[in-house]
Every structure is written in structure tokens, then in C-alpha cells.
């Protein structure tokens, strides 16, 4: 499946000359599928991927698209799916009545859901390169036709949950006494539920802007299915543009900013806690040791999210400040490459939390070891009162 023939699953391709007048009429001639839209190219226009001003050749995003869909995604999915399930089981066994366990359980659930949706959106890309005459697979067509493309926002939802976790831990280390009374587990669960409903609803509505109609190219006299804006978008263009700005730009930027600030605060507090523990008696240092271990693990989780947000930041800056860097501009190929990197980064973020838990969480390792050995685990109360390290 080439970029020039159709939109790549997972990417939104809008040719530069697609306007309301480009779709002149619906075709009904013999031999052509009924109600096939006609793509009319104006003289002097360039198809985005063939624009001579592209600083990246057309072959580069094609190769990257194939590698991401046929190599990176399957590998990360095979790692992420079982590890996120294991993490959910571990945090459930440790007790969801504790705020931090509830947050980590939900983060694993969101990451698992994101990888599942990404896999089904792109599963056609695994086998389509080996087939001829097939442009779009049935799975991707089903997702678009049933308005499910908006669930790609689950990667942003992961950022929201990471932000909640970072804020919860920052509140605990800055004001441990107030955090116990002000922020309850029920309140945390309510925040996660309302945030999820808000994020997913907006993204689903925004995802309704796309459709996959039959398109006739009168120049080559060929038909194909292309991902273009829908009639719903045409009727609600202004509202959906504002919603898209919020979903794809304001939301992730807010999450990233809050996570960066809270991570800095936690890092400063961690150094103070470590110094205090070294000067404390053995009885008090045990409590500080638990806080230090948990804070260190949460800082690592936040840093992973920050690093994985770099491709998205680069893309956002490019779209805002570089003319022609869009799905319809002369830097279309570069835009697609950055989206590929952004996809890979989201897979890394959804996969590697498990390894952070194993490396920095002694309580997590103990619970996981008990599950793998099929041993009877002590009660949650016993775990909390003994080791207590996360």
C-alpha cells in the first residue's frame, strides 16, 4: 500500500487540492462503482507527497510506514499486552483501595487499550505489503466506517492518567498529612472517571470527521478508497476545528507541562528526603525509605512519558511555525515521518512502564514473584505493614 494511492491507516491524508469543489459529482457510469466521488485536479496543483519542495522523498515515509506497521507495532504489542495485564493483576492483588495502586492499575488498563486499538487500526499493514490490488484492509475500513477512529486518543488518555499520578505523588511528598485527608481513593477514582469520559467523548466526536468513500481519479481512470473529511465535518467545520485543536494540541501540552513541573518538584523533594533519611534514626528512616522508593519510581514513569512526548512536541512546533508542514503542504512527507516517530514513542510509553516497576518497585517484584510462583500471597494489609516498598 503506497502513500500515493491512498491514505495510510493511522495517518490522515488530505490532498492539497481537496476542496468542496474538488468533488464535482458522483459517478454512475458503467463499470465504475455507483456513487463514486470524482477527484478533480486543478492545473498546476501538486499532490502533497509528490510536491517537488518536499525535503524528504516519497519513498522514506513509505518505508517507515511499512516498518512501523509490520515490525515495530507487532513487537511492541507482543510485549505490551501481557506485561500490562500482569501489571493490572499485580496492582489489583496489592489492593485498589490505595490511591497509587488504583492509578497504576488504570494506567496499565489505558496502555493496554491503546495498544489494542493501535494494533487493530494497523493490523492490515502487516499483510497488505505482500498483496497486490488491495489498498485498504477490512479492519481499518470497519474502524473508520463505524466511527471508531477517535479511540486513537487513548494515547492522550495515558498522558492524563500519568498527570494524575504525578500530581498525587507530588501532593503526598509536599503535604503528606493533608494528602491523606483531602485526596481519598474515591475522589481519585472519580477524577479518573470524569477525565476519561471527557477525553474519550471529545476524541470520538473529533474522529467522526473522517470517511472512506470510493474515489475516481479521472486522470488515471482508477478508483480507490481514500480517507477524506466526512459530511459531518463539512456541516460542523468550525466546531470540529476548535475541538481538534483542543484534543491534539492543548490537551497533551497541558498534561506534559504539569508532569514536567511536578517531576521537578518531586526530584527536589526526593533529594531532601534522601538527605533526611541518612541523618535519621533507623525507626524513622524506614518510613522515609518507602517514600523515597515510591517517589523515585514515579519520577522514572514521568520521565518516560516526557521523553516519549518529544516527537509530538516537534510535530506540534513544526505545524505551528513551519509553513507547508501539514497533511496538505509541501512538507507532507516530513510530517508523515514525524507521525511515525510519534507512533513509535507512544508504543514505547505503553510498554516500558512494566520494566520500571520491576526495576524500582520491590513490592511490585515481590507480588509478581508470588504470582509467577503460584504461591499464596499475604494479605494487602500485611504487605502494607511489612515491606511497603513500591
Protein backbone atom coordinates (compact mmCIF):
# COMPACT_ATOMS: atom_id res chain seq x y z
CA UNK A 1 0.00 0.00 0.00
CA UNK A 2 1.62 3.22 -1.09
CA UNK A 3 1.05 6.72 0.14
CA UNK A 4 0.35 7.98 -3.32
CA UNK A 5 -2.62 5.72 -3.80
CA UNK A 6 -4.38 6.02 -0.54
CA UNK A 7 -4.18 7.25 3.00
CA UNK A 8 -2.12 5.09 5.28
CA UNK A 9 -4.04 3.50 8.13
CA UNK A 10 -3.35 5.54 11.20
CA UNK A 11 -2.49 8.63 9.13
CA UNK A 12 -4.89 11.23 7.86
CA UNK A 13 -4.12 12.26 4.30
CA UNK A 14 -5.85 15.25 2.77
CA UNK A 15 -4.59 16.26 -0.68
CA UNK A 16 -3.84 19.97 -1.04
CA UNK A 17 -6.41 20.43 -3.77
CA UNK A 18 -9.27 18.70 -1.96
CA UNK A 19 -11.88 21.40 -1.53
CA UNK A 20 -15.62 21.46 -1.72
CA UNK A 21 -15.32 21.99 -5.48
CA UNK A 22 -12.85 19.16 -6.00
CA UNK A 23 -15.57 16.56 -5.55
CA UNK A 24 -17.52 17.63 -8.60
CA UNK A 25 -20.14 14.92 -8.79
CA UNK A 26 -20.99 11.33 -8.00
CA UNK A 27 -20.14 8.92 -10.75
CA UNK A 28 -22.60 6.35 -12.04
CA UNK A 29 -21.08 5.27 -15.39
CA UNK A 30 -20.98 1.64 -16.34
CA UNK A 31 -18.01 -0.20 -14.92
CA UNK A 32 -17.47 2.32 -12.13
CA UNK A 33 -18.88 1.72 -8.64
CA UNK A 34 -22.07 3.62 -8.00
CA UNK A 35 -21.79 6.88 -6.03
CA UNK A 36 -18.03 7.04 -6.53
CA UNK A 37 -16.65 10.52 -5.87
CA UNK A 38 -14.61 12.12 -8.61
CA UNK A 39 -11.31 13.72 -7.65
CA UNK A 40 -10.68 16.71 -9.90
CA UNK A 41 -7.11 18.04 -10.05
CA UNK A 42 -6.65 21.67 -10.99
CA UNK A 43 -3.85 22.66 -13.36
CA UNK A 44 -0.59 23.47 -11.55
CA UNK A 45 -1.52 21.62 -8.33
CA UNK A 46 0.81 19.08 -6.79
CA UNK A 47 -0.30 16.03 -4.86
CA UNK A 48 1.32 16.56 -1.41
CA UNK A 49 3.58 13.50 -1.48
CA UNK A 50 4.81 14.38 -5.00
CA UNK A 51 5.46 18.05 -4.27
CA UNK A 52 8.98 18.90 -5.55
CA UNK A 53 9.57 21.12 -2.48
CA UNK A 54 9.45 18.10 -0.16
CA UNK A 55 12.74 17.84 1.74
CA UNK A 56 12.03 14.12 2.29
CA UNK A 57 11.45 11.83 -0.67
CA UNK A 58 8.22 9.90 -1.06
CA UNK A 59 9.97 6.58 -0.51
CA UNK A 60 11.08 7.45 3.04
CA UNK A 61 7.60 7.65 4.63
CA UNK A 62 6.54 4.62 2.62
CA UNK A 63 9.41 2.57 4.06
CA UNK A 64 8.84 3.93 7.56
CA UNK A 65 5.12 3.21 7.34
CA UNK A 66 5.82 -0.40 6.43
CA UNK A 67 8.41 -0.80 9.19
CA UNK A 68 6.17 0.73 11.85
CA UNK A 69 3.13 -1.32 10.84
CA UNK A 70 4.83 -4.64 10.10
CA UNK A 71 7.72 -4.62 12.62
CA UNK A 72 7.58 -2.12 15.46
CA UNK A 73 3.87 -2.36 16.28
CA UNK A 74 3.66 -6.19 16.36
CA UNK A 75 6.82 -6.42 18.51
CA UNK A 76 5.70 -3.79 20.99
CA UNK A 77 2.20 -5.25 21.07
CA UNK A 78 3.50 -8.72 21.91
CA UNK A 79 5.49 -7.22 24.79
CA UNK A 80 2.98 -4.63 25.97
CA UNK A 81 -0.18 -6.76 26.05
CA UNK A 82 0.99 -9.45 28.53
CA UNK A 83 3.07 -7.06 30.66
CA UNK A 84 0.19 -4.62 31.11
CA UNK A 85 -2.12 -7.49 32.03
CA UNK A 86 0.46 -8.65 34.58
CA UNK A 87 0.70 -5.13 35.99
CA UNK A 88 -3.07 -4.93 36.35
CA UNK A 89 -3.12 -8.23 38.23
CA UNK A 90 -0.25 -7.13 40.49
CA UNK A 91 -1.83 -3.81 41.45
CA UNK A 92 -5.20 -5.49 41.93
CA UNK A 93 -3.60 -8.00 44.31
CA UNK A 94 -1.89 -5.21 46.21
CA UNK A 95 -5.25 -3.55 46.76
CA UNK A 96 -7.11 -0.94 44.72
CA UNK A 97 -8.26 0.77 47.92
CA UNK A 98 -4.90 2.54 47.89
CA UNK A 99 -4.82 5.57 45.61
CA UNK A 100 -1.50 4.84 43.99
CA UNK A 101 -2.40 1.23 43.22
CA UNK A 102 -5.68 2.38 41.66
CA UNK A 103 -3.85 4.91 39.48
CA UNK A 104 -1.23 2.43 38.31
CA UNK A 105 -3.89 -0.22 37.64
CA UNK A 106 -5.81 2.26 35.50
CA UNK A 107 -2.67 3.40 33.67
CA UNK A 108 -1.94 -0.22 32.72
CA UNK A 109 -5.54 -0.64 31.53
CA UNK A 110 -5.33 2.51 29.39
CA UNK A 111 -1.96 1.48 27.91
CA UNK A 112 -3.33 -1.96 27.11
CA UNK A 113 -6.40 -0.43 25.44
CA UNK A 114 -4.22 1.95 23.44
CA UNK A 115 -2.05 -0.87 22.13
CA UNK A 116 -5.09 -2.99 21.27
CA UNK A 117 -6.67 -0.17 19.29
CA UNK A 118 -3.38 0.69 17.58
CA UNK A 119 -2.89 -2.95 16.65
CA UNK A 120 -6.35 -3.30 15.13
CA UNK A 121 -6.01 0.05 13.31
CA UNK A 122 -2.75 -1.12 11.76
CA UNK A 123 -3.11 -4.90 11.59
CA UNK A 124 -3.85 -4.66 7.87
CA UNK A 125 -0.42 -3.12 7.33
CA UNK A 126 1.19 -6.39 8.40
CA UNK A 127 -0.01 -8.34 5.38
CA UNK A 128 -1.02 -5.73 2.78
CA UNK A 129 2.58 -5.16 1.55
CA UNK A 130 2.56 -8.77 0.39
CA UNK A 131 -0.74 -8.44 -1.51
CA UNK A 132 -1.45 -6.82 -4.86
CA UNK A 133 -4.56 -4.93 -5.83
CA UNK A 134 -5.62 -4.28 -2.20
CA UNK A 135 -5.23 -0.76 -0.81
CA UNK A 136 -7.12 -0.74 2.47
CA UNK A 137 -7.73 -3.71 4.70
CA UNK A 138 -11.17 -4.65 6.06
CA UNK A 139 -10.26 -3.96 9.70
CA UNK A 140 -9.26 -0.34 9.12
CA UNK A 141 -12.31 0.21 6.92
CA UNK A 142 -14.54 -1.19 9.67
CA UNK A 143 -12.99 1.16 12.24
CA UNK A 144 -13.49 4.25 10.07
CA UNK A 145 -16.98 3.29 8.89
CA UNK A 146 -18.15 2.72 12.47
CA UNK A 147 -16.63 5.99 13.74
CA UNK A 148 -14.10 4.26 15.99
CA UNK A 149 -11.02 6.11 14.77
CA UNK A 150 -11.33 8.55 17.68
CA UNK A 151 -10.18 5.88 20.12
CA UNK A 152 -6.65 6.67 18.96
CA UNK A 153 -6.85 9.35 21.65
CA UNK A 154 -6.16 6.66 24.23
CA UNK A 155 -2.51 7.71 23.97
CA UNK A 156 -3.57 11.16 25.22
CA UNK A 157 -5.60 9.49 27.96
CA UNK A 158 -2.41 7.78 29.08
CA UNK A 159 -0.94 11.25 29.47
CA UNK A 160 -3.91 12.32 31.57
CA UNK A 161 -3.51 9.34 33.91
CA UNK A 162 0.24 9.97 34.14
CA UNK A 163 -0.54 13.56 35.08
CA UNK A 164 -2.93 12.43 37.82
CA UNK A 165 -0.29 10.04 39.19
CA UNK A 166 2.37 12.75 39.15
CA UNK A 167 0.05 15.22 40.92
CA UNK A 168 -0.96 12.62 43.51
CA UNK A 169 2.64 11.78 44.39
CA UNK A 170 3.70 15.45 44.35
CA UNK A 171 0.88 16.27 46.77
CA UNK A 172 1.93 13.39 49.01
CA UNK A 173 5.59 14.42 49.23
CA UNK A 174 4.85 18.13 49.63
CA UNK A 175 1.99 17.80 52.12
CA UNK A 176 1.76 14.18 53.34
CA UNK A 177 -0.72 14.87 56.15
CA UNK A 178 -3.20 16.86 54.07
CA UNK A 179 -3.00 14.36 51.21
CA UNK A 180 -4.40 11.66 53.47
CA UNK A 181 -7.50 13.67 54.32
CA UNK A 182 -8.13 15.76 51.19
CA UNK A 183 -7.42 13.20 48.46
CA UNK A 184 -9.25 9.94 49.07
CA UNK A 185 -9.28 6.86 46.86
CA UNK A 186 -12.90 7.55 45.92
CA UNK A 187 -12.04 11.11 44.88
CA UNK A 188 -9.13 9.84 42.81
CA UNK A 189 -11.37 7.29 41.11
CA UNK A 190 -13.93 10.00 40.35
CA UNK A 191 -11.24 12.22 38.82
CA UNK A 192 -10.06 9.35 36.60
CA UNK A 193 -13.62 8.53 35.52
CA UNK A 194 -14.59 12.12 34.68
CA UNK A 195 -11.30 12.75 32.89
CA UNK A 196 -11.72 9.59 30.83
CA UNK A 197 -15.29 10.49 29.83
CA UNK A 198 -14.20 14.00 28.86
CA UNK A 199 -11.17 12.90 26.81
CA UNK A 200 -12.78 9.97 25.03
CA UNK A 201 -16.04 11.75 24.21
CA UNK A 202 -14.26 14.70 22.64
CA UNK A 203 -11.94 12.44 20.67
CA UNK A 204 -14.76 10.24 19.38
CA UNK A 205 -16.65 13.27 18.13
CA UNK A 206 -13.48 14.61 16.53
CA UNK A 207 -12.87 11.21 14.90
CA UNK A 208 -16.21 11.47 13.09
CA UNK A 209 -14.63 13.95 10.68
CA UNK A 210 -13.22 11.13 8.52
CA UNK A 211 -14.82 8.83 5.94
CA UNK A 212 -13.60 6.28 3.38
CA UNK A 213 -15.58 6.79 0.17
CA UNK A 214 -14.83 5.40 -3.24
CA UNK A 215 -12.79 7.93 -5.23
CA UNK A 216 -12.35 8.04 -9.01
CA UNK A 217 -9.21 9.67 -10.41
CA UNK A 218 -10.22 10.76 -13.93
CA UNK A 219 -6.58 11.24 -14.97
CA UNK A 220 -5.63 7.61 -14.42
CA UNK A 221 -9.22 6.31 -14.64
CA UNK A 222 -8.73 4.29 -11.45
CA UNK A 223 -10.81 4.01 -8.32
CA UNK A 224 -9.68 3.66 -4.73
CA UNK A 225 -10.83 4.35 -1.20
CA UNK A 226 -9.31 7.43 0.42
CA UNK A 227 -9.53 8.87 3.89
CA UNK A 228 -11.16 12.28 3.45
CA UNK A 229 -13.27 14.61 5.53
CA UNK A 230 -16.85 13.50 6.01
CA UNK A 231 -20.18 15.22 5.50
CA UNK A 232 -20.36 15.56 9.28
CA UNK A 233 -17.17 17.61 9.20
CA UNK A 234 -18.48 19.75 6.31
CA UNK A 235 -21.55 20.66 8.39
CA UNK A 236 -19.59 21.34 11.59
CA UNK A 237 -16.22 22.52 10.28
CA UNK A 238 -15.62 25.39 12.70
CA UNK A 239 -16.64 23.48 15.81
CA UNK A 240 -14.58 20.42 14.89
CA UNK A 241 -11.51 22.54 14.12
CA UNK A 242 -11.69 24.02 17.60
CA UNK A 243 -12.24 20.57 19.10
CA UNK A 244 -9.30 19.17 17.14
CA UNK A 245 -7.05 21.97 18.42
CA UNK A 246 -8.03 21.12 21.97
CA UNK A 247 -7.74 17.34 21.60
CA UNK A 248 -4.48 17.21 19.65
CA UNK A 249 -2.65 20.27 21.00
CA UNK A 250 -3.97 21.88 24.18
CA UNK A 251 -4.70 18.61 25.98
CA UNK A 252 -1.31 16.90 25.57
CA UNK A 253 0.55 20.17 26.11
CA UNK A 254 -1.25 20.68 29.41
CA UNK A 255 -0.52 17.14 30.55
CA UNK A 256 3.15 17.44 29.62
CA UNK A 257 3.55 20.82 31.34
CA UNK A 258 2.01 19.60 34.59
CA UNK A 259 4.09 16.40 34.53
CA UNK A 260 7.31 18.37 33.96
CA UNK A 261 6.56 20.76 36.84
CA UNK A 262 5.55 18.03 39.29
CA UNK A 263 8.55 15.90 38.30
CA UNK A 264 10.90 18.80 39.08
CA UNK A 265 9.18 19.34 42.44
CA UNK A 266 9.37 15.63 43.27
CA UNK A 267 13.05 15.48 42.27
CA UNK A 268 13.92 18.38 44.60
CA UNK A 269 11.85 16.84 47.38
CA UNK A 270 13.45 13.43 46.78
CA UNK A 271 16.92 14.83 47.38
CA UNK A 272 15.75 16.39 50.63
CA UNK A 273 14.06 13.15 51.70
CA UNK A 274 17.21 11.17 50.93
CA UNK A 275 19.38 13.56 52.94
CA UNK A 276 16.92 13.47 55.82
CA UNK A 277 16.83 9.66 55.79
CA UNK A 278 20.61 9.45 56.02
CA UNK A 279 20.53 11.58 59.17
CA UNK A 280 17.52 9.88 60.79
CA UNK A 281 17.30 7.02 63.22
CA UNK A 282 16.53 3.53 61.93
CA UNK A 283 12.88 3.70 63.02
CA UNK A 284 12.10 6.88 61.17
CA UNK A 285 14.30 6.14 58.15
CA UNK A 286 12.19 3.08 57.34
CA UNK A 287 9.19 5.31 56.64
CA UNK A 288 11.31 7.69 54.59
CA UNK A 289 12.77 4.78 52.66
CA UNK A 290 9.31 3.75 51.48
CA UNK A 291 8.53 7.28 50.37
CA UNK A 292 11.87 7.63 48.61
CA UNK A 293 11.43 4.34 46.72
CA UNK A 294 7.92 5.19 45.58
CA UNK A 295 8.84 8.74 44.60
CA UNK A 296 11.85 7.51 42.62
CA UNK A 297 9.67 5.07 40.69
CA UNK A 298 7.07 7.74 39.91
CA UNK A 299 9.78 10.13 38.71
CA UNK A 300 11.00 7.40 36.33
CA UNK A 301 7.46 6.89 34.98
CA UNK A 302 7.08 10.64 34.46
CA UNK A 303 10.47 10.92 32.73
CA UNK A 304 9.49 8.11 30.34
CA UNK A 305 6.34 9.99 29.38
CA UNK A 306 8.28 13.25 28.94
CA UNK A 307 10.87 11.63 26.66
CA UNK A 308 8.16 9.88 24.61
CA UNK A 309 6.40 13.22 24.13
CA UNK A 310 9.36 14.74 22.24
CA UNK A 311 8.19 13.64 18.72
CA UNK A 312 4.73 15.06 19.41
CA UNK A 313 6.28 18.35 20.57
CA UNK A 314 8.41 18.53 17.44
CA UNK A 315 5.38 17.89 15.24
CA UNK A 316 3.29 20.49 17.07
CA UNK A 317 6.01 23.14 16.80
CA UNK A 318 6.51 22.33 13.12
CA UNK A 319 2.81 22.61 12.30
CA UNK A 320 2.55 25.96 14.11
CA UNK A 321 5.70 27.66 12.85
CA UNK A 322 6.72 25.96 9.58
CA UNK A 323 4.50 26.87 6.61
CA UNK A 324 3.69 23.85 4.49
CA UNK A 325 4.21 21.30 7.26
CA UNK A 326 0.82 19.62 7.24
CA UNK A 327 -1.17 16.89 5.52
CA UNK A 328 -1.75 19.21 2.60
CA UNK A 329 1.51 21.17 2.49
CA UNK A 330 4.78 20.79 0.63
CA UNK A 331 6.42 19.12 3.65
CA UNK A 332 3.87 16.33 3.71
CA UNK A 333 6.48 13.55 3.68
CA UNK A 334 8.34 15.04 6.65
CA UNK A 335 5.04 15.34 8.53
CA UNK A 336 4.33 11.65 7.94
CA UNK A 337 7.81 10.71 9.20
CA UNK A 338 7.26 12.66 12.42
CA UNK A 339 3.91 10.94 12.88
CA UNK A 340 5.67 7.59 12.52
CA UNK A 341 8.13 8.58 15.24
CA UNK A 342 5.23 9.79 17.38
CA UNK A 343 3.52 6.42 16.98
CA UNK A 344 6.67 4.54 17.97
CA UNK A 345 7.09 6.78 21.03
CA UNK A 346 3.51 6.08 22.13
CA UNK A 347 4.20 2.32 21.85
CA UNK A 348 7.36 2.70 23.97
CA UNK A 349 5.45 4.66 26.61
CA UNK A 350 2.73 2.00 26.75
CA UNK A 351 5.27 -0.83 27.04
CA UNK A 352 8.18 0.12 29.28
CA UNK A 353 6.37 1.08 32.49
CA UNK A 354 6.41 -2.62 33.38
CA UNK A 355 10.21 -2.66 33.36
CA UNK A 356 10.32 0.47 35.53
CA UNK A 357 8.05 -1.21 38.08
CA UNK A 358 10.26 -4.31 38.10
CA UNK A 359 13.47 -2.31 38.42
CA UNK A 360 12.44 0.19 41.11
CA UNK A 361 9.48 -1.41 42.90
CA UNK A 362 10.43 -4.05 45.46
CA UNK A 363 6.81 -4.55 46.48
CA UNK A 364 5.86 -4.94 42.84
CA UNK A 365 8.62 -7.51 42.32
CA UNK A 366 7.57 -9.48 45.40
CA UNK A 367 3.93 -9.60 44.31
CA UNK A 368 4.89 -10.51 40.76
CA UNK A 369 7.22 -13.24 42.02
CA UNK A 370 4.40 -14.65 44.12
CA UNK A 371 2.09 -14.71 41.09
CA UNK A 372 4.68 -16.41 38.90
CA UNK A 373 5.47 -18.99 41.56
CA UNK A 374 1.75 -19.53 42.23
CA UNK A 375 2.36 -19.02 45.93
CA UNK A 376 -0.20 -17.78 48.37
CA UNK A 377 0.36 -14.10 48.87
CA UNK A 378 -0.08 -12.39 52.24
CA UNK A 379 -2.98 -10.04 52.62
CA UNK A 380 -2.81 -6.46 51.40
CA UNK A 381 -2.74 -5.23 54.98
CA UNK A 382 0.25 -7.44 55.74
CA UNK A 383 2.10 -6.26 52.65
CA UNK A 384 1.48 -2.64 53.56
CA UNK A 385 2.70 -3.08 57.12
CA UNK A 386 5.85 -5.06 56.31
CA UNK A 387 7.91 -4.23 53.26
CA UNK A 388 5.69 -1.47 51.92
CA UNK A 389 8.16 -0.56 49.23
CA UNK A 390 6.81 0.17 45.82
